[in-house]
Amino acid sequence: MHHVVDDSLLVATTAARVADAQKATDVLVLAVGEVIQVAEYFVVAGASNRRLVDAVVEEVELKVRESTGRSPMRVEGVREQQWVLIDYGDVVVHVFLDEVREFYEIERLYRDVPRIDWTEGESDGPSAAERAG
């Protein structure tokens, strides 16, 4: 059972859109395939409270299953609702409580990897120049 890269991208962009629709903050899709061998994409999303962390995680699992037929291999951190990791193997979705995200600074760790535009052309998001700032 192998996954084509397009499938990975679909999982990642679906997760990002769902998180955004659920009012997650500052949703990013990072192409980490060159940096870490185990995954193609990281999706990173923030949430202002634990209930929202939970809602985002549930909705991501549901919608990714609906659109790709895939379920995560494992999900970690659900009980604490501070940093939940939804692991699809080729795609790992990180849903952070905002202050936990600030603490770990995951974007800074991966600042050199390409960021994927997941917005389907409706983007007024940060340009490459702004991101480089």
C-alpha atoms as a PDB file:
ATOM      1  CA  MET A   1       0.000   0.000   0.000  1.00  0.00           C
ATOM      2  CA  HIS A   2       1.829   3.075  -1.197  1.00  0.00           C
ATOM      3  CA  HIS A   3       0.831   6.707  -1.187  1.00  0.00           C
ATOM      4  CA  VAL A   4       1.622   8.967  -4.084  1.00  0.00           C
ATOM      5  CA  VAL A   5       2.946  12.387  -3.192  1.00  0.00           C
ATOM      6  CA  ASP A   6      -0.226  14.050  -4.510  1.00  0.00           C
ATOM      7  CA  ASP A   7      -2.167  12.066  -1.937  1.00  0.00           C
ATOM      8  CA  SER A   8       0.135  13.437   0.773  1.00  0.00           C
ATOM      9  CA  LEU A   9      -0.467  16.949  -0.471  1.00  0.00           C
ATOM     10  CA  LEU A  10      -4.220  16.378  -0.499  1.00  0.00           C
ATOM     11  CA  VAL A  11      -4.151  15.168   3.098  1.00  0.00           C
ATOM     12  CA  ALA A  12      -2.042  18.175   4.116  1.00  0.00           C
ATOM     13  CA  THR A  13      -4.111  20.818   2.317  1.00  0.00           C
ATOM     14  CA  THR A  14      -7.392  19.261   3.458  1.00  0.00           C
ATOM     15  CA  ALA A  15      -6.183  19.291   7.066  1.00  0.00           C
ATOM     16  CA  ALA A  16      -5.061  22.916   6.737  1.00  0.00           C
ATOM     17  CA  ARG A  17      -8.366  24.098   5.251  1.00  0.00           C
ATOM     18  CA  VAL A  18     -10.391  22.252   7.868  1.00  0.00           C
ATOM     19  CA  ALA A  19      -8.290  23.675  10.709  1.00  0.00           C
ATOM     20  CA  ASP A  20      -8.693  27.164   9.281  1.00  0.00           C
ATOM     21  CA  ALA A  21     -12.462  26.710   8.905  1.00  0.00           C
ATOM     22  CA  GLN A  22     -12.574  25.639  12.556  1.00  0.00           C
ATOM     23  CA  LYS A  23     -10.966  28.984  13.512  1.00  0.00           C
ATOM     24  CA  ALA A  24      -7.485  27.630  14.135  1.00  0.00           C
ATOM     25  CA  THR A  25      -4.840  30.355  14.008  1.00  0.00           C
ATOM     26  CA  ASP A  26      -1.887  30.816  11.685  1.00  0.00           C
ATOM     27  CA  VAL A  27      -2.269  27.541   9.793  1.00  0.00           C
ATOM     28  CA  LEU A  28       0.835  26.455   7.891  1.00  0.00           C
ATOM     29  CA  VAL A  29       1.702  23.594   5.584  1.00  0.00           C
ATOM     30  CA  LEU A  30       5.447  22.937   5.621  1.00  0.00           C
ATOM     31  CA  ALA A  31       7.119  20.741   3.001  1.00  0.00           C
ATOM     32  CA  VAL A  32       9.518  18.897   5.306  1.00  0.00           C
ATOM     33  CA  GLY A  33      10.294  15.980   2.978  1.00  0.00           C
ATOM     34  CA  GLU A  34      13.807  17.221   2.243  1.00  0.00           C
ATOM     35  CA  VAL A  35      14.619  17.711   5.914  1.00  0.00           C
ATOM     36  CA  ILE A  36      13.091  14.720   7.650  1.00  0.00           C
ATOM     37  CA  GLN A  37      12.826  11.410   5.869  1.00  0.00           C
ATOM     38  CA  VAL A  38       9.755  10.161   7.692  1.00  0.00           C
ATOM     39  CA  ALA A  39       7.184  12.687   6.444  1.00  0.00           C
ATOM     40  CA  GLU A  40       6.474  14.822   3.389  1.00  0.00           C
ATOM     41  CA  TYR A  41       4.417  17.539   5.076  1.00  0.00           C
ATOM     42  CA  PHE A  42       3.799  19.059   8.478  1.00  0.00           C
ATOM     43  CA  VAL A  43       0.580  20.933   9.024  1.00  0.00           C
ATOM     44  CA  VAL A  44       0.796  23.341  11.957  1.00  0.00           C
ATOM     45  CA  ALA A  45      -2.239  25.015  13.501  1.00  0.00           C
ATOM     46  CA  GLY A  46      -2.838  26.988  16.675  1.00  0.00           C
ATOM     47  CA  ALA A  47      -5.914  27.077  18.882  1.00  0.00           C
ATOM     48  CA  SER A  48      -6.806  29.620  21.541  1.00  0.00           C
ATOM     49  CA  ASN A  49      -8.199  27.080  24.022  1.00  0.00           C
ATOM     50  CA  ARG A  50      -8.278  23.346  24.694  1.00  0.00           C
ATOM     51  CA  ARG A  51     -11.824  22.906  23.501  1.00  0.00           C
ATOM     52  CA  LEU A  52     -10.811  24.327  20.136  1.00  0.00           C
ATOM     53  CA  VAL A  53      -7.766  22.035  19.981  1.00  0.00           C
ATOM     54  CA  ASP A  54     -10.150  19.135  20.419  1.00  0.00           C
ATOM     55  CA  ALA A  55     -12.627  20.425  17.823  1.00  0.00           C
ATOM     56  CA  VAL A  56      -9.899  20.987  15.228  1.00  0.00           C
ATOM     57  CA  VAL A  57      -8.456  17.496  15.754  1.00  0.00           C
ATOM     58  CA  GLU A  58     -11.848  15.815  15.451  1.00  0.00           C
ATOM     59  CA  GLU A  59     -12.821  17.740  12.341  1.00  0.00           C
ATOM     60  CA  VAL A  60      -9.446  17.150  10.638  1.00  0.00           C
ATOM     61  CA  GLU A  61      -9.735  13.405  11.205  1.00  0.00           C
ATOM     62  CA  LEU A  62     -13.300  13.365   9.911  1.00  0.00           C
ATOM     63  CA  LYS A  63     -12.746  15.463   6.792  1.00  0.00           C
ATOM     64  CA  VAL A  64      -9.446  13.820   5.810  1.00  0.00           C
ATOM     65  CA  ARG A  65     -11.182  10.441   6.072  1.00  0.00           C
ATOM     66  CA  GLU A  66     -14.070  11.733   3.932  1.00  0.00           C
ATOM     67  CA  SER A  67     -11.869  13.219   1.212  1.00  0.00           C
ATOM     68  CA  THR A  68      -9.015  10.683   1.069  1.00  0.00           C
ATOM     69  CA  GLY A  69     -10.297   7.588   2.865  1.00  0.00           C
ATOM     70  CA  ARG A  70      -7.332   7.748   5.207  1.00  0.00           C
ATOM     71  CA  SER A  71      -7.245   7.493   8.975  1.00  0.00           C
ATOM     72  CA  PRO A  72      -4.250   8.433  11.127  1.00  0.00           C
ATOM     73  CA  MET A  73      -1.768   5.754  12.126  1.00  0.00           C
ATOM     74  CA  ARG A  74      -1.704   7.298  15.577  1.00  0.00           C
ATOM     75  CA  VAL A  75      -2.882  10.355  17.442  1.00  0.00           C
ATOM     76  CA  GLU A  76      -0.981  11.627  20.464  1.00  0.00           C
ATOM     77  CA  GLY A  77      -1.706  14.228  23.108  1.00  0.00           C
ATOM     78  CA  VAL A  78      -5.496  14.164  22.884  1.00  0.00           C
ATOM     79  CA  ARG A  79      -6.026  13.872  26.617  1.00  0.00           C
ATOM     80  CA  GLU A  80      -3.892  16.912  27.466  1.00  0.00           C
ATOM     81  CA  GLN A  81      -5.238  18.967  24.524  1.00  0.00           C
ATOM     82  CA  GLN A  82      -2.105  21.114  24.447  1.00  0.00           C
ATOM     83  CA  TRP A  83      -0.204  19.691  21.508  1.00  0.00           C
ATOM     84  CA  VAL A  84      -2.014  17.044  19.527  1.00  0.00           C
ATOM     85  CA  LEU A  85      -0.131  15.187  16.839  1.00  0.00           C
ATOM     86  CA  ILE A  86      -2.204  13.468  14.151  1.00  0.00           C
ATOM     87  CA  ASP A  87       0.166  11.134  12.343  1.00  0.00           C
ATOM     88  CA  TYR A  88      -0.717   9.953   8.844  1.00  0.00           C
ATOM     89  CA  GLY A  89       2.855   8.796   8.212  1.00  0.00           C
ATOM     90  CA  ASP A  90       3.602  10.977   5.195  1.00  0.00           C
ATOM     91  CA  VAL A  91       1.731  13.904   6.764  1.00  0.00           C
ATOM     92  CA  VAL A  92       1.836  14.937  10.405  1.00  0.00           C
ATOM     93  CA  VAL A  93      -0.713  17.451  11.654  1.00  0.00           C
ATOM     94  CA  HIS A  94       0.259  19.410  14.774  1.00  0.00           C
ATOM     95  CA  VAL A  95      -2.530  21.211  16.605  1.00  0.00           C
ATOM     96  CA  PHE A  96      -1.131  23.439  19.314  1.00  0.00           C
ATOM     97  CA  LEU A  97      -2.629  25.429  22.109  1.00  0.00           C
ATOM     98  CA  ASP A  98      -1.356  28.916  21.201  1.00  0.00           C
ATOM     99  CA  GLU A  99       0.962  29.366  24.194  1.00  0.00           C
ATOM    100  CA  VAL A 100       2.416  25.875  23.713  1.00  0.00           C
ATOM    101  CA  ARG A 101       3.084  26.644  20.059  1.00  0.00           C
ATOM    102  CA  GLU A 102       4.913  29.832  21.055  1.00  0.00           C
ATOM    103  CA  PHE A 103       7.000  27.837  23.501  1.00  0.00           C
ATOM    104  CA  TYR A 104       8.111  25.207  20.971  1.00  0.00           C
ATOM    105  CA  GLU A 105       8.504  27.650  18.061  1.00  0.00           C
ATOM    106  CA  ILE A 106       8.090  24.867  15.545  1.00  0.00           C
ATOM    107  CA  GLU A 107       8.017  27.338  12.649  1.00  0.00           C
ATOM    108  CA  ARG A 108      11.427  28.609  13.660  1.00  0.00           C
ATOM    109  CA  LEU A 109      12.827  25.078  13.682  1.00  0.00           C
ATOM    110  CA  TYR A 110      11.593  24.597  10.126  1.00  0.00           C
ATOM    111  CA  ARG A 111      11.976  28.132   8.855  1.00  0.00           C
ATOM    112  CA  ASP A 112      14.059  27.045   5.866  1.00  0.00           C
ATOM    113  CA  VAL A 113      11.591  24.561   4.407  1.00  0.00           C
ATOM    114  CA  PRO A 114       9.147  25.570   1.664  1.00  0.00           C
ATOM    115  CA  ARG A 115       5.654  26.591   2.726  1.00  0.00           C
ATOM    116  CA  ILE A 116       2.742  25.347   0.680  1.00  0.00           C
ATOM    117  CA  ASP A 117      -0.156  27.616  -0.213  1.00  0.00           C
ATOM    118  CA  TRP A 118      -3.196  25.598   0.861  1.00  0.00           C
ATOM    119  CA  THR A 119      -5.811  28.271   0.190  1.00  0.00           C
ATOM    120  CA  GLU A 120      -6.817  27.304  -3.365  1.00  0.00           C
ATOM    121  CA  GLY A 121      -6.141  30.657  -4.927  1.00  0.00           C
ATOM    122  CA  GLU A 122      -8.024  32.748  -2.388  1.00  0.00           C
ATOM    123  CA  SER A 123      -4.751  33.766  -0.793  1.00  0.00           C
ATOM    124  CA  ASP A 124      -3.922  37.208   0.445  1.00  0.00           C
ATOM    125  CA  GLY A 125      -1.545  35.507   2.843  1.00  0.00           C
ATOM    126  CA  PRO A 126       2.046  36.489   3.565  1.00  0.00           C
ATOM    127  CA  SER A 127       4.248  36.748   0.518  1.00  0.00           C
ATOM    128  CA  ALA A 128       7.654  35.099   0.344  1.00  0.00           C
ATOM    129  CA  ALA A 129       9.207  38.475   1.167  1.00  0.00           C
ATOM    130  CA  GLU A 130       7.065  38.905   4.279  1.00  0.00           C
ATOM    131  CA  ARG A 131       7.829  35.363   5.396  1.00  0.00           C
ATOM    132  CA  ALA A 132      11.550  35.969   4.991  1.00  0.00           C
ATOM    133  CA  GLY A 133      11.253  38.958   7.356  1.00  0.00           C
END
